[in-house]
Amino acid sequence: MTNSESYILFIDESGKSKLTDAGDVFYLTGVIINKNLHTALSSYMISLKGKSGIPSDNNLHAFDLLENE
């Protein structure tokens, strides 16, 4: 059985990557989406960035969206 669907994996990390420091936390998460959904999501994210005054080529952070509230 062959699956002709294509997917994209987005990975993000937060925290300290030096795992030898006691008590420090490192988070790694990922989201997998169907490649066909990528275009719609990209358009939405560009629109969201534009409404928030964030250049379309910058990474989006929750802080950037919430700091003006």
Protein backbone atom coordinates (compact mmCIF):
# COMPACT_ATOMS: atom_id res chain seq x y z
CA MET A 1 0.00 0.00 0.00
CA THR A 2 1.41 3.38 -1.00
CA ASN A 3 0.49 6.73 0.51
CA SER A 4 0.84 9.56 -2.02
CA GLU A 5 0.08 12.24 0.59
CA SER A 6 2.88 14.67 1.46
CA TYR A 7 3.34 16.17 4.90
CA ILE A 8 5.40 18.97 6.45
CA LEU A 9 6.90 18.80 9.94
CA PHE A 10 7.39 22.04 11.89
CA ILE A 11 9.66 21.79 14.94
CA ASP A 12 10.11 24.36 17.69
CA GLU A 13 12.22 24.39 20.83
CA SER A 14 12.36 26.43 23.99
CA GLY A 15 14.51 26.46 27.10
CA LYS A 16 18.13 25.58 27.66
CA SER A 17 19.65 22.93 25.45
CA LYS A 18 22.53 22.30 27.87
CA LEU A 19 20.99 19.33 29.65
CA THR A 20 23.76 19.08 32.24
CA ASP A 21 22.34 22.07 34.18
CA ALA A 22 20.20 20.67 37.01
CA GLY A 23 16.68 22.06 37.10
CA ASP A 24 16.74 23.62 33.64
CA VAL A 25 14.05 22.61 31.20
CA PHE A 26 14.25 22.01 27.46
CA TYR A 27 11.05 21.64 25.41
CA LEU A 28 10.85 20.24 21.90
CA THR A 29 7.57 20.03 20.03
CA GLY A 30 6.42 19.40 16.51
CA VAL A 31 3.34 19.74 14.33
CA ILE A 32 2.74 17.69 11.20
CA ILE A 33 0.35 19.06 8.57
CA ASN A 34 -0.76 17.90 5.18
CA LYS A 35 1.18 19.74 2.48
CA ASN A 36 -2.09 20.79 0.81
CA LEU A 37 -3.04 22.69 3.99
CA HIS A 38 0.28 24.54 4.05
CA THR A 39 -0.75 27.14 1.45
CA ALA A 40 -3.91 28.11 3.32
CA LEU A 41 -2.09 28.29 6.65
CA SER A 42 0.72 30.35 5.13
CA SER A 43 -1.77 32.87 3.75
CA TYR A 44 -3.49 33.10 7.12
CA MET A 45 -0.19 33.62 8.97
CA ILE A 46 0.91 36.34 6.54
CA SER A 47 -2.44 38.10 7.09
CA LEU A 48 -2.11 37.76 10.88
CA LYS A 49 1.41 39.18 10.79
CA GLY A 50 0.27 42.10 8.62
CA LYS A 51 -2.56 42.98 11.02
CA SER A 52 -0.06 42.87 13.91
CA GLY A 53 2.61 44.95 12.17
CA ILE A 54 5.04 42.04 11.94
CA PRO A 55 7.05 41.75 8.69
CA SER A 56 5.93 38.70 6.71
CA ASP A 57 9.45 37.24 6.62
CA ASN A 58 9.86 37.33 10.44
CA ASN A 59 9.11 34.40 12.72
CA LEU A 60 5.85 34.71 14.63
CA HIS A 61 5.94 34.62 18.44
CA ALA A 62 2.95 34.80 20.79
CA PHE A 63 4.68 37.65 22.61
CA ASP A 64 4.58 39.75 19.43
CA LEU A 65 0.83 39.23 19.13
CA LEU A 66 0.00 39.83 22.77
CA GLU A 67 2.29 42.73 23.75
CA ASN A 68 -0.03 45.34 22.24
CA GLU A 69 -3.10 44.23 24.21
